PDB file of N, CA and C in Angstrom:
ATOM      1  N   ALA A   1     -91.399 -56.071 -59.580  1.00  0.00           N
ATOM      2  CA  ALA A   1     -92.657 -55.730 -60.236  1.00  0.00           C
ATOM      3  C   ALA A   1     -92.849 -56.616 -61.449  1.00  0.00           C
ATOM      4  N   ASN A   2     -94.079 -56.890 -61.736  1.00  0.00           N
ATOM      5  CA  ASN A   2     -94.423 -57.692 -62.907  1.00  0.00           C
ATOM      6  C   ASN A   2     -94.459 -56.769 -64.120  1.00  0.00           C
ATOM      7  N   PRO A   3     -93.610 -57.024 -65.138  1.00  0.00           N
ATOM      8  CA  PRO A   3     -93.578 -56.128 -66.297  1.00  0.00           C
ATOM      9  C   PRO A   3     -94.880 -56.111 -67.092  1.00  0.00           C
ATOM     10  N   ASN A   4     -95.715 -57.122 -66.942  1.00  0.00           N
ATOM     11  CA  ASN A   4     -96.975 -57.169 -67.682  1.00  0.00           C
ATOM     12  C   ASN A   4     -98.097 -56.385 -67.008  1.00  0.00           C
ATOM     13  N   THR A   5     -98.004 -56.185 -65.710  1.00  0.00           N
ATOM     14  CA  THR A   5     -99.077 -55.501 -64.986  1.00  0.00           C
ATOM     15  C   THR A   5     -98.617 -54.236 -64.275  1.00  0.00           C
ATOM     16  N   CYS A   6     -97.313 -54.006 -64.221  1.00  0.00           N
ATOM     17  CA  CYS A   6     -96.747 -52.854 -63.493  1.00  0.00           C
ATOM     18  C   CYS A   6     -97.150 -52.877 -62.025  1.00  0.00           C
ATOM     19  N   ARG A   7     -97.289 -54.051 -61.466  1.00  0.00           N
ATOM     20  CA  ARG A   7     -97.646 -54.196 -60.057  1.00  0.00           C
ATOM     21  C   ARG A   7     -96.581 -55.023 -59.354  1.00  0.00           C
ATOM     22  N   GLY A   8     -96.298 -54.657 -58.116  1.00  0.00           N
ATOM     23  CA  GLY A   8     -95.402 -55.442 -57.302  1.00  0.00           C
ATOM     24  C   GLY A   8     -96.134 -56.644 -56.734  1.00  0.00           C
ATOM     25  N   HIS A   9     -95.398 -57.509 -56.053  1.00  0.00           N
ATOM     26  CA  HIS A   9     -95.999 -58.729 -55.529  1.00  0.00           C
ATOM     27  C   HIS A   9     -96.363 -58.566 -54.058  1.00  0.00           C
ATOM     28  N   PHE A  10     -97.484 -59.150 -53.709  1.00  0.00           N
ATOM     29  CA  PHE A  10     -98.003 -59.161 -52.346  1.00  0.00           C
ATOM     30  C   PHE A  10     -98.345 -60.603 -52.014  1.00  0.00           C
ATOM     31  N   VAL A  11     -97.999 -61.060 -50.835  1.00  0.00           N
ATOM     32  CA  VAL A  11     -98.289 -62.432 -50.420  1.00  0.00           C
ATOM     33  C   VAL A  11     -99.578 -62.420 -49.600  1.00  0.00           C
ATOM     34  N   ASP A  12    -100.646 -62.915 -50.209  1.00  0.00           N
ATOM     35  CA  ASP A  12    -101.950 -62.943 -49.545  1.00  0.00           C
ATOM     36  C   ASP A  12    -102.222 -64.339 -49.002  1.00  0.00           C
ATOM     37  N   ALA A  13    -103.092 -64.407 -48.030  1.00  0.00           N
ATOM     38  CA  ALA A  13    -103.506 -65.676 -47.420  1.00  0.00           C
ATOM     39  C   ALA A  13    -104.536 -66.366 -48.311  1.00  0.00           C
ATOM     40  N   PRO A  14    -104.865 -67.627 -48.018  1.00  0.00           N
ATOM     41  CA  PRO A  14    -105.911 -68.313 -48.790  1.00  0.00           C
ATOM     42  C   PRO A  14    -107.241 -67.570 -48.675  1.00  0.00           C
ATOM     43  N   CYS A  15    -108.078 -67.693 -49.686  1.00  0.00           N
ATOM     44  CA  CYS A  15    -109.362 -66.974 -49.674  1.00  0.00           C
ATOM     45  C   CYS A  15    -110.304 -67.501 -48.594  1.00  0.00           C
ATOM     46  N   THR A  16    -110.011 -68.664 -48.016  1.00  0.00           N
ATOM     47  CA  THR A  16    -110.849 -69.193 -46.941  1.00  0.00           C
ATOM     48  C   THR A  16    -110.606 -68.459 -45.619  1.00  0.00           C
ATOM     49  N   TRP A  17    -109.542 -67.653 -45.557  1.00  0.00           N
ATOM     50  CA  TRP A  17    -109.279 -66.835 -44.380  1.00  0.00           C
ATOM     51  C   TRP A  17    -109.966 -65.495 -44.569  1.00  0.00           C
ATOM     52  N   SER A  18    -110.238 -64.792 -43.498  1.00  0.00           N
ATOM     53  CA  SER A  18    -110.929 -63.501 -43.624  1.00  0.00           C
ATOM     54  C   SER A  18    -109.915 -62.391 -43.903  1.00  0.00           C
ATOM     55  N   THR A  19    -109.558 -62.273 -45.170  1.00  0.00           N
ATOM     56  CA  THR A  19    -108.658 -61.215 -45.617  1.00  0.00           C
ATOM     57  C   THR A  19    -109.365 -60.381 -46.678  1.00  0.00           C
ATOM     58  N   ASP A  20    -109.279 -59.088 -46.533  1.00  0.00           N
ATOM     59  CA  ASP A  20    -109.823 -58.166 -47.528  1.00  0.00           C
ATOM     60  C   ASP A  20    -108.677 -57.490 -48.270  1.00  0.00           C
ATOM     61  N   ALA A  21    -107.526 -58.158 -48.334  1.00  0.00           N
ATOM     62  CA  ALA A  21    -106.320 -57.535 -48.876  1.00  0.00           C
ATOM     63  C   ALA A  21    -106.484 -57.060 -50.310  1.00  0.00           C
ATOM     64  N   THR A  22    -107.087 -57.861 -51.169  1.00  0.00           N
ATOM     65  CA  THR A  22    -107.238 -57.466 -52.571  1.00  0.00           C
ATOM     66  C   THR A  22    -107.998 -56.152 -52.678  1.00  0.00           C
ATOM     67  N   GLN A  23    -109.102 -56.042 -51.959  1.00  0.00           N
ATOM     68  CA  GLN A  23    -109.905 -54.832 -51.992  1.00  0.00           C
ATOM     69  C   GLN A  23    -109.165 -53.653 -51.350  1.00  0.00           C
ATOM     70  N   GLN A  24    -108.493 -53.906 -50.232  1.00  0.00           N
ATOM     71  CA  GLN A  24    -107.769 -52.833 -49.555  1.00  0.00           C
ATOM     72  C   GLN A  24    -106.645 -52.290 -50.431  1.00  0.00           C
ATOM     73  N   LEU A  25    -105.915 -53.178 -51.091  1.00  0.00           N
ATOM     74  CA  LEU A  25    -104.850 -52.722 -51.984  1.00  0.00           C
ATOM     75  C   LEU A  25    -105.433 -51.893 -53.122  1.00  0.00           C
ATOM     76  N   HIS A  26    -106.521 -52.379 -53.704  1.00  0.00           N
ATOM     77  CA  HIS A  26    -107.135 -51.670 -54.827  1.00  0.00           C
ATOM     78  C   HIS A  26    -107.608 -50.273 -54.429  1.00  0.00           C
ATOM     79  N   TRP A  27    -108.434 -50.191 -53.400  1.00  0.00           N
ATOM     80  CA  TRP A  27    -109.058 -48.918 -53.042  1.00  0.00           C
ATOM     81  C   TRP A  27    -108.099 -47.938 -52.393  1.00  0.00           C
ATOM     82  N   ASN A  28    -106.974 -48.411 -51.881  1.00  0.00           N
ATOM     83  CA  ASN A  28    -105.956 -47.512 -51.332  1.00  0.00           C
ATOM     84  C   ASN A  28    -104.856 -47.218 -52.352  1.00  0.00           C
ATOM     85  N   GLU A  29    -105.087 -47.645 -53.599  1.00  0.00           N
ATOM     86  CA  GLU A  29    -104.160 -47.409 -54.709  1.00  0.00           C
ATOM     87  C   GLU A  29    -102.741 -47.879 -54.392  1.00  0.00           C
ATOM     88  N   ILE A  30    -102.655 -49.068 -53.808  1.00  0.00           N
ATOM     89  CA  ILE A  30    -101.376 -49.719 -53.539  1.00  0.00           C
ATOM     90  C   ILE A  30    -101.194 -50.754 -54.637  1.00  0.00           C
ATOM     91  N   HIS A  31    -100.243 -50.531 -55.497  1.00  0.00           N
ATOM     92  CA  HIS A  31    -100.106 -51.322 -56.721  1.00  0.00           C
ATOM     93  C   HIS A  31     -99.332 -52.618 -56.486  1.00  0.00           C
ATOM     94  N   LEU A  32     -99.968 -53.492 -55.719  1.00  0.00           N
ATOM     95  CA  LEU A  32     -99.443 -54.824 -55.434  1.00  0.00           C
ATOM     96  C   LEU A  32    -100.549 -55.825 -55.705  1.00  0.00           C
ATOM     97  N   GLU A  33    -100.165 -57.045 -56.054  1.00  0.00           N
ATOM     98  CA  GLU A  33    -101.160 -58.108 -56.199  1.00  0.00           C
ATOM     99  C   GLU A  33    -100.522 -59.438 -55.841  1.00  0.00           C
ATOM    100  N   SER A  34    -101.346 -60.352 -55.362  1.00  0.00           N
ATOM    101  CA  SER A  34    -100.888 -61.687 -55.000  1.00  0.00           C
ATOM    102  C   SER A  34    -101.074 -62.611 -56.198  1.00  0.00           C
ATOM    103  N   ARG A  35    -100.017 -63.341 -56.533  1.00  0.00           N
ATOM    104  CA  ARG A  35    -100.075 -64.267 -57.660  1.00  0.00           C
ATOM    105  C   ARG A  35     -99.669 -65.676 -57.220  1.00  0.00           C
ATOM    106  N   GLY A  36    -100.144 -66.068 -56.053  1.00  0.00           N
ATOM    107  CA  GLY A  36     -99.832 -67.384 -55.529  1.00  0.00           C
ATOM    108  C   GLY A  36    -100.625 -68.480 -56.221  1.00  0.00           C
ATOM    109  N   PRO A  37    -100.381 -69.725 -55.828  1.00  0.00           N
ATOM    110  CA  PRO A  37    -100.993 -70.870 -56.496  1.00  0.00           C
ATOM    111  C   PRO A  37    -102.451 -71.139 -56.136  1.00  0.00           C
ATOM    112  N   LEU A  38    -102.959 -70.528 -55.071  1.00  0.00           N
ATOM    113  CA  LEU A  38    -104.319 -70.840 -54.630  1.00  0.00           C
ATOM    114  C   LEU A  38    -105.343 -69.947 -55.310  1.00  0.00           C
ATOM    115  N   LYS A  39    -106.372 -70.571 -55.809  1.00  0.00           N
ATOM    116  CA  LYS A  39    -107.453 -69.856 -56.485  1.00  0.00           C
ATOM    117  C   LYS A  39    -108.572 -69.590 -55.492  1.00  0.00           C
ATOM    118  N   PRO A  40    -109.379 -68.589 -55.623  1.00  0.00           N
ATOM    119  CA  PRO A  40    -109.430 -67.645 -56.739  1.00  0.00           C
ATOM    120  C   PRO A  40    -108.632 -66.370 -56.504  1.00  0.00           C
ATOM    121  N   ASN A  41    -108.025 -66.196 -55.306  1.00  0.00           N
ATOM    122  CA  ASN A  41    -107.399 -64.909 -54.997  1.00  0.00           C
ATOM    123  C   ASN A  41    -105.894 -64.876 -55.185  1.00  0.00           C
ATOM    124  N   GLY A  42    -105.295 -65.957 -55.682  1.00  0.00           N
ATOM    125  CA  GLY A  42    -103.844 -65.962 -55.846  1.00  0.00           C
ATOM    126  C   GLY A  42    -103.118 -65.984 -54.513  1.00  0.00           C
ATOM    127  N   GLY A  43    -103.750 -66.587 -53.508  1.00  0.00           N
ATOM    128  CA  GLY A  43    -103.168 -66.636 -52.174  1.00  0.00           C
ATOM    129  C   GLY A  43    -102.156 -67.761 -52.021  1.00  0.00           C
ATOM    130  N   TYR A  44    -101.636 -67.879 -50.807  1.00  0.00           N
ATOM    131  CA  TYR A  44    -100.640 -68.892 -50.456  1.00  0.00           C
ATOM    132  C   TYR A  44    -101.102 -69.629 -49.205  1.00  0.00           C
ATOM    133  N   SER A  45    -100.643 -70.843 -49.038  1.00  0.00           N
ATOM    134  CA  SER A  45    -100.938 -71.590 -47.818  1.00  0.00           C
ATOM    135  C   SER A  45    -100.123 -70.995 -46.669  1.00  0.00           C
ATOM    136  N   TYR A  46    -100.523 -71.309 -45.454  1.00  0.00           N
ATOM    137  CA  TYR A  46     -99.793 -70.845 -44.271  1.00  0.00           C
ATOM    138  C   TYR A  46     -98.332 -71.271 -44.353  1.00  0.00           C
ATOM    139  N   GLY A  47     -98.086 -72.529 -44.698  1.00  0.00           N
ATOM    140  CA  GLY A  47     -96.715 -73.032 -44.810  1.00  0.00           C
ATOM    141  C   GLY A  47     -95.910 -72.289 -45.860  1.00  0.00           C
ATOM    142  N   ASP A  48     -96.536 -72.016 -47.003  1.00  0.00           N
ATOM    143  CA  ASP A  48     -95.851 -71.257 -48.058  1.00  0.00           C
ATOM    144  C   ASP A  48     -95.530 -69.840 -47.590  1.00  0.00           C
ATOM    145  N   MET A  49     -96.449 -69.240 -46.848  1.00  0.00           N
ATOM    146  CA  MET A  49     -96.212 -67.884 -46.343  1.00  0.00           C
ATOM    147  C   MET A  49     -95.001 -67.873 -45.406  1.00  0.00           C
ATOM    148  N   LEU A  50     -94.897 -68.876 -44.541  1.00  0.00           N
ATOM    149  CA  LEU A  50     -93.736 -68.968 -43.648  1.00  0.00           C
ATOM    150  C   LEU A  50     -92.453 -69.179 -44.443  1.00  0.00           C
ATOM    151  N   ASP A  51     -92.504 -70.040 -45.461  1.00  0.00           N
ATOM    152  CA  ASP A  51     -91.324 -70.288 -46.301  1.00  0.00           C
ATOM    153  C   ASP A  51     -90.875 -69.018 -47.014  1.00  0.00           C
ATOM    154  N   ILE A  52     -91.833 -68.246 -47.516  1.00  0.00           N
ATOM    155  CA  ILE A  52     -91.503 -67.001 -48.222  1.00  0.00           C
ATOM    156  C   ILE A  52     -90.844 -66.015 -47.266  1.00  0.00           C
ATOM    157  N   TRP A  53     -91.392 -65.879 -46.047  1.00  0.00           N
ATOM    158  CA  TRP A  53     -90.804 -64.951 -45.077  1.00  0.00           C
ATOM    159  C   TRP A  53     -89.391 -65.391 -44.695  1.00  0.00           C
ATOM    160  N   THR A  54     -89.198 -66.686 -44.496  1.00  0.00           N
ATOM    161  CA  THR A  54     -87.877 -67.206 -44.143  1.00  0.00           C
ATOM    162  C   THR A  54     -86.881 -66.956 -45.270  1.00  0.00           C
ATOM    163  N   ALA A  55     -87.283 -67.242 -46.506  1.00  0.00           N
ATOM    164  CA  ALA A  55     -86.397 -67.027 -47.655  1.00  0.00           C
ATOM    165  C   ALA A  55     -86.054 -65.546 -47.810  1.00  0.00           C
ATOM    166  N   ALA A  56     -87.040 -64.680 -47.631  1.00  0.00           N
ATOM    167  CA  ALA A  56     -86.788 -63.241 -47.741  1.00  0.00           C
ATOM    168  C   ALA A  56     -85.816 -62.782 -46.658  1.00  0.00           C
ATOM    169  N   ASN A  57     -85.968 -63.321 -45.459  1.00  0.00           N
ATOM    170  CA  ASN A  57     -85.064 -62.983 -44.369  1.00  0.00           C
ATOM    171  C   ASN A  57     -83.650 -63.482 -44.668  1.00  0.00           C
ATOM    172  N   ASP A  58     -83.532 -64.710 -45.167  1.00  0.00           N
ATOM    173  CA  ASP A  58     -82.219 -65.285 -45.484  1.00  0.00           C
ATOM    174  C   ASP A  58     -81.496 -64.518 -46.583  1.00  0.00           C
ATOM    175  N   THR A  59     -82.247 -63.994 -47.547  1.00  0.00           N
ATOM    176  CA  THR A  59     -81.643 -63.286 -48.684  1.00  0.00           C
ATOM    177  C   THR A  59     -81.693 -61.770 -48.529  1.00  0.00           C
ATOM    178  N   GLN A  60     -82.209 -61.307 -47.385  1.00  0.00           N
ATOM    179  CA  GLN A  60     -82.357 -59.870 -47.138  1.00  0.00           C
ATOM    180  C   GLN A  60     -83.159 -59.194 -48.249  1.00  0.00           C
ATOM    181  N   SER A  61     -84.238 -59.858 -48.662  1.00  0.00           N
ATOM    182  CA  SER A  61     -85.112 -59.349 -49.720  1.00  0.00           C
ATOM    183  C   SER A  61     -86.394 -58.798 -49.107  1.00  0.00           C
ATOM    184  N   PRO A  62     -86.910 -57.694 -49.647  1.00  0.00           N
ATOM    185  CA  PRO A  62     -88.160 -57.150 -49.115  1.00  0.00           C
ATOM    186  C   PRO A  62     -89.346 -58.025 -49.501  1.00  0.00           C
ATOM    187  N   VAL A  63     -90.297 -58.113 -48.610  1.00  0.00           N
ATOM    188  CA  VAL A  63     -91.528 -58.854 -48.885  1.00  0.00           C
ATOM    189  C   VAL A  63     -92.662 -58.177 -48.120  1.00  0.00           C
ATOM    190  N   MET A  64     -93.826 -58.156 -48.736  1.00  0.00           N
ATOM    191  CA  MET A  64     -95.007 -57.616 -48.064  1.00  0.00           C
ATOM    192  C   MET A  64     -96.076 -58.687 -48.094  1.00  0.00           C
ATOM    193  N   MET A  65     -96.611 -58.993 -46.926  1.00  0.00           N
ATOM    194  CA  MET A  65     -97.642 -60.029 -46.866  1.00  0.00           C
ATOM    195  C   MET A  65     -98.693 -59.696 -45.828  1.00  0.00           C
ATOM    196  N   TRP A  66     -99.849 -60.321 -46.020  1.00  0.00           N
ATOM    197  CA  TRP A  66    -100.943 -60.202 -45.069  1.00  0.00           C
ATOM    198  C   TRP A  66    -100.599 -61.075 -43.873  1.00  0.00           C
ATOM    199  N   TRP A  67    -100.750 -60.530 -42.664  1.00  0.00           N
ATOM    200  CA  TRP A  67    -100.530 -61.325 -41.451  1.00  0.00           C
ATOM    201  C   TRP A  67    -101.504 -60.848 -40.391  1.00  0.00           C
ATOM    202  N   TRP A  68    -101.511 -61.454 -39.268  1.00  0.00           N
ATOM    203  CA  TRP A  68    -102.477 -61.138 -38.212  1.00  0.00           C
ATOM    204  C   TRP A  68    -101.795 -61.206 -36.861  1.00  0.00           C
ATOM    205  N   ARG A  69    -102.440 -60.598 -35.885  1.00  0.00           N
ATOM    206  CA  ARG A  69    -102.001 -60.661 -34.493  1.00  0.00           C
ATOM    207  C   ARG A  69    -103.215 -61.001 -33.651  1.00  0.00           C
ATOM    208  N   PRO A  70    -103.090 -61.760 -32.627  1.00  0.00           N
ATOM    209  CA  PRO A  70    -101.838 -62.315 -32.130  1.00  0.00           C
ATOM    210  C   PRO A  70    -101.454 -63.582 -32.883  1.00  0.00           C
ATOM    211  N   ASP A  71    -100.205 -63.749 -33.108  1.00  0.00           N
ATOM    212  CA  ASP A  71     -99.657 -64.966 -33.701  1.00  0.00           C
ATOM    213  C   ASP A  71     -98.211 -65.080 -33.250  1.00  0.00           C
ATOM    214  N   GLY A  72     -97.845 -66.225 -32.722  1.00  0.00           N
ATOM    215  CA  GLY A  72     -96.503 -66.444 -32.192  1.00  0.00           C
ATOM    216  C   GLY A  72     -95.397 -66.348 -33.227  1.00  0.00           C
ATOM    217  N   THR A  73     -95.734 -66.512 -34.499  1.00  0.00           N
ATOM    218  CA  THR A  73     -94.729 -66.458 -35.559  1.00  0.00           C
ATOM    219  C   THR A  73     -94.007 -65.116 -35.566  1.00  0.00           C
ATOM    220  N   VAL A  74     -94.718 -64.058 -35.242  1.00  0.00           N
ATOM    221  CA  VAL A  74     -94.134 -62.717 -35.244  1.00  0.00           C
ATOM    222  C   VAL A  74     -92.918 -62.668 -34.319  1.00  0.00           C
ATOM    223  N   GLN A  75     -92.967 -63.393 -33.206  1.00  0.00           N
ATOM    224  CA  GLN A  75     -91.888 -63.376 -32.220  1.00  0.00           C
ATOM    225  C   GLN A  75     -90.623 -64.064 -32.705  1.00  0.00           C
ATOM    226  N   VAL A  76     -90.735 -64.958 -33.683  1.00  0.00           N
ATOM    227  CA  VAL A  76     -89.561 -65.677 -34.195  1.00  0.00           C
ATOM    228  C   VAL A  76     -88.517 -64.697 -34.716  1.00  0.00           C
ATOM    229  N   TRP A  77     -88.971 -63.655 -35.406  1.00  0.00           N
ATOM    230  CA  TRP A  77     -88.038 -62.702 -36.017  1.00  0.00           C
ATOM    231  C   TRP A  77     -87.919 -61.394 -35.244  1.00  0.00           C
ATOM    232  N   GLU A  78     -88.581 -61.303 -34.090  1.00  0.00           N
ATOM    233  CA  GLU A  78     -88.525 -60.080 -33.293  1.00  0.00           C
ATOM    234  C   GLU A  78     -87.077 -59.766 -32.916  1.00  0.00           C
ATOM    235  N   GLY A  79     -86.682 -58.509 -33.068  1.00  0.00           N
ATOM    236  CA  GLY A  79     -85.323 -58.100 -32.721  1.00  0.00           C
ATOM    237  C   GLY A  79     -84.285 -58.427 -33.778  1.00  0.00           C
ATOM    238  N   THR A  80     -84.721 -58.885 -34.949  1.00  0.00           N
ATOM    239  CA  THR A  80     -83.797 -59.199 -36.042  1.00  0.00           C
ATOM    240  C   THR A  80     -84.102 -58.293 -37.235  1.00  0.00           C
ATOM    241  N   GLY A  81     -83.263 -58.378 -38.252  1.00  0.00           N
ATOM    242  CA  GLY A  81     -83.508 -57.635 -39.483  1.00  0.00           C
ATOM    243  C   GLY A  81     -84.745 -58.112 -40.211  1.00  0.00           C
ATOM    244  N   GLY A  82     -85.231 -59.290 -39.847  1.00  0.00           N
ATOM    245  CA  GLY A  82     -86.426 -59.840 -40.488  1.00  0.00           C
ATOM    246  C   GLY A  82     -87.698 -59.625 -39.693  1.00  0.00           C
ATOM    247  N   ALA A  83     -87.655 -58.719 -38.717  1.00  0.00           N
ATOM    248  CA  ALA A  83     -88.833 -58.472 -37.879  1.00  0.00           C
ATOM    249  C   ALA A  83     -89.999 -57.951 -38.714  1.00  0.00           C
ATOM    250  N   PHE A  84     -91.182 -58.382 -38.370  1.00  0.00           N
ATOM    251  CA  PHE A  84     -92.396 -57.909 -39.036  1.00  0.00           C
ATOM    252  C   PHE A  84     -92.574 -56.418 -38.737  1.00  0.00           C
ATOM    253  N   GLN A  85     -92.990 -55.662 -39.723  1.00  0.00           N
ATOM    254  CA  GLN A  85     -93.301 -54.243 -39.563  1.00  0.00           C
ATOM    255  C   GLN A  85     -94.779 -54.060 -39.876  1.00  0.00           C
ATOM    256  N   THR A  86     -95.502 -53.457 -38.984  1.00  0.00           N
ATOM    257  CA  THR A  86     -96.933 -53.248 -39.180  1.00  0.00           C
ATOM    258  C   THR A  86     -97.185 -52.134 -40.189  1.00  0.00           C
ATOM    259  N   VAL A  87     -98.104 -52.381 -41.096  1.00  0.00           N
ATOM    260  CA  VAL A  87     -98.575 -51.362 -42.036  1.00  0.00           C
ATOM    261  C   VAL A  87    -100.054 -51.167 -41.743  1.00  0.00           C
ATOM    262  N   SER A  88    -100.422 -49.973 -41.338  1.00  0.00           N
ATOM    263  CA  SER A  88    -101.820 -49.679 -41.028  1.00  0.00           C
ATOM    264  C   SER A  88    -102.449 -48.929 -42.191  1.00  0.00           C
ATOM    265  N   LEU A  89    -103.591 -49.406 -42.636  1.00  0.00           N
ATOM    266  CA  LEU A  89    -104.332 -48.764 -43.714  1.00  0.00           C
ATOM    267  C   LEU A  89    -105.479 -47.959 -43.119  1.00  0.00           C
ATOM    268  N   PRO A  90    -106.003 -46.991 -43.878  1.00  0.00           N
ATOM    269  CA  PRO A  90    -107.129 -46.205 -43.368  1.00  0.00           C
ATOM    270  C   PRO A  90    -108.319 -47.096 -43.028  1.00  0.00           C
ATOM    271  N   GLU A  91    -109.088 -46.669 -42.050  1.00  0.00           N
ATOM    272  CA  GLU A  91    -110.305 -47.394 -41.691  1.00  0.00           C
ATOM    273  C   GLU A  91    -111.288 -47.327 -42.858  1.00  0.00           C
ATOM    274  N   PRO A  92    -111.988 -48.422 -43.139  1.00  0.00           N
ATOM    275  CA  PRO A  92    -112.971 -48.385 -44.228  1.00  0.00           C
ATOM    276  C   PRO A  92    -114.169 -47.521 -43.844  1.00  0.00           C
ATOM    277  N   THR A  93    -114.784 -46.949 -44.853  1.00  0.00           N
ATOM    278  CA  THR A  93    -115.986 -46.149 -44.611  1.00  0.00           C
ATOM    279  C   THR A  93    -117.147 -47.078 -44.262  1.00  0.00           C
ATOM    280  N   GLU A  94    -118.200 -46.503 -43.724  1.00  0.00           N
ATOM    281  CA  GLU A  94    -119.388 -47.297 -43.398  1.00  0.00           C
ATOM    282  C   GLU A  94    -119.976 -47.922 -44.664  1.00  0.00           C
ATOM    283  N   THR A  95    -119.971 -47.173 -45.770  1.00  0.00           N
ATOM    284  CA  THR A  95    -120.472 -47.686 -47.051  1.00  0.00           C
ATOM    285  C   THR A  95    -119.663 -48.898 -47.494  1.00  0.00           C
ATOM    286  N   CYS A  96    -118.357 -48.809 -47.355  1.00  0.00           N
ATOM    287  CA  CYS A  96    -117.483 -49.923 -47.727  1.00  0.00           C
ATOM    288  C   CYS A  96    -117.765 -51.147 -46.854  1.00  0.00           C
ATOM    289  N   GLN A  97    -117.904 -50.940 -45.565  1.00  0.00           N
ATOM    290  CA  GLN A  97    -118.168 -52.062 -44.662  1.00  0.00           C
ATOM    291  C   GLN A  97    -119.486 -52.747 -44.998  1.00  0.00           C
ATOM    292  N   ARG A  98    -120.511 -51.973 -45.336  1.00  0.00           N
ATOM    293  CA  ARG A  98    -121.810 -52.563 -45.679  1.00  0.00           C
ATOM    294  C   ARG A  98    -121.743 -53.349 -46.985  1.00  0.00           C
ATOM    295  N   ALA A  99    -120.829 -52.969 -47.871  1.00  0.00           N
ATOM    296  CA  ALA A  99    -120.724 -53.628 -49.176  1.00  0.00           C
ATOM    297  C   ALA A  99    -119.901 -54.910 -49.134  1.00  0.00           C
ATOM    298  N   ARG A 100    -119.240 -55.185 -48.016  1.00  0.00           N
ATOM    299  CA  ARG A 100    -118.410 -56.386 -47.921  1.00  0.00           C
ATOM    300  C   ARG A 100    -119.262 -57.639 -47.977  1.00  0.00           C
ATOM    301  N   ILE A 101    -118.697 -58.632 -48.624  1.00  0.00           N
ATOM    302  CA  ILE A 101    -119.346 -59.941 -48.669  1.00  0.00           C
ATOM    303  C   ILE A 101    -118.950 -60.677 -47.406  1.00  0.00           C
ATOM    304  N   SER A 102    -119.927 -61.199 -46.686  1.00  0.00           N
ATOM    305  CA  SER A 102    -119.592 -61.902 -45.442  1.00  0.00           C
ATOM    306  C   SER A 102    -119.940 -63.360 -45.533  1.00  0.00           C
TER     307      SER A 102
END
């Protein structure tokens, strides 16, 4: 956790990808934030995301990141201690969906 914000770290994708992670974390009161090098959302490149997952697997460290299916990368760690675990969030309300920027 970051001692200045009392939030844990989340690995988000670049803002050019269709991720609503920042909003989903906020509205579901999940106290995580992405502080990667890419602006404006603090995201990470695809390569950086793979490097982070590999490093976390090598050091047996927990990591939470935005990912998608189908993607062959998930199969690399299938059946290992580093296997991806799905986290499902509540479905957004109709009001929330209408308010999204597209």
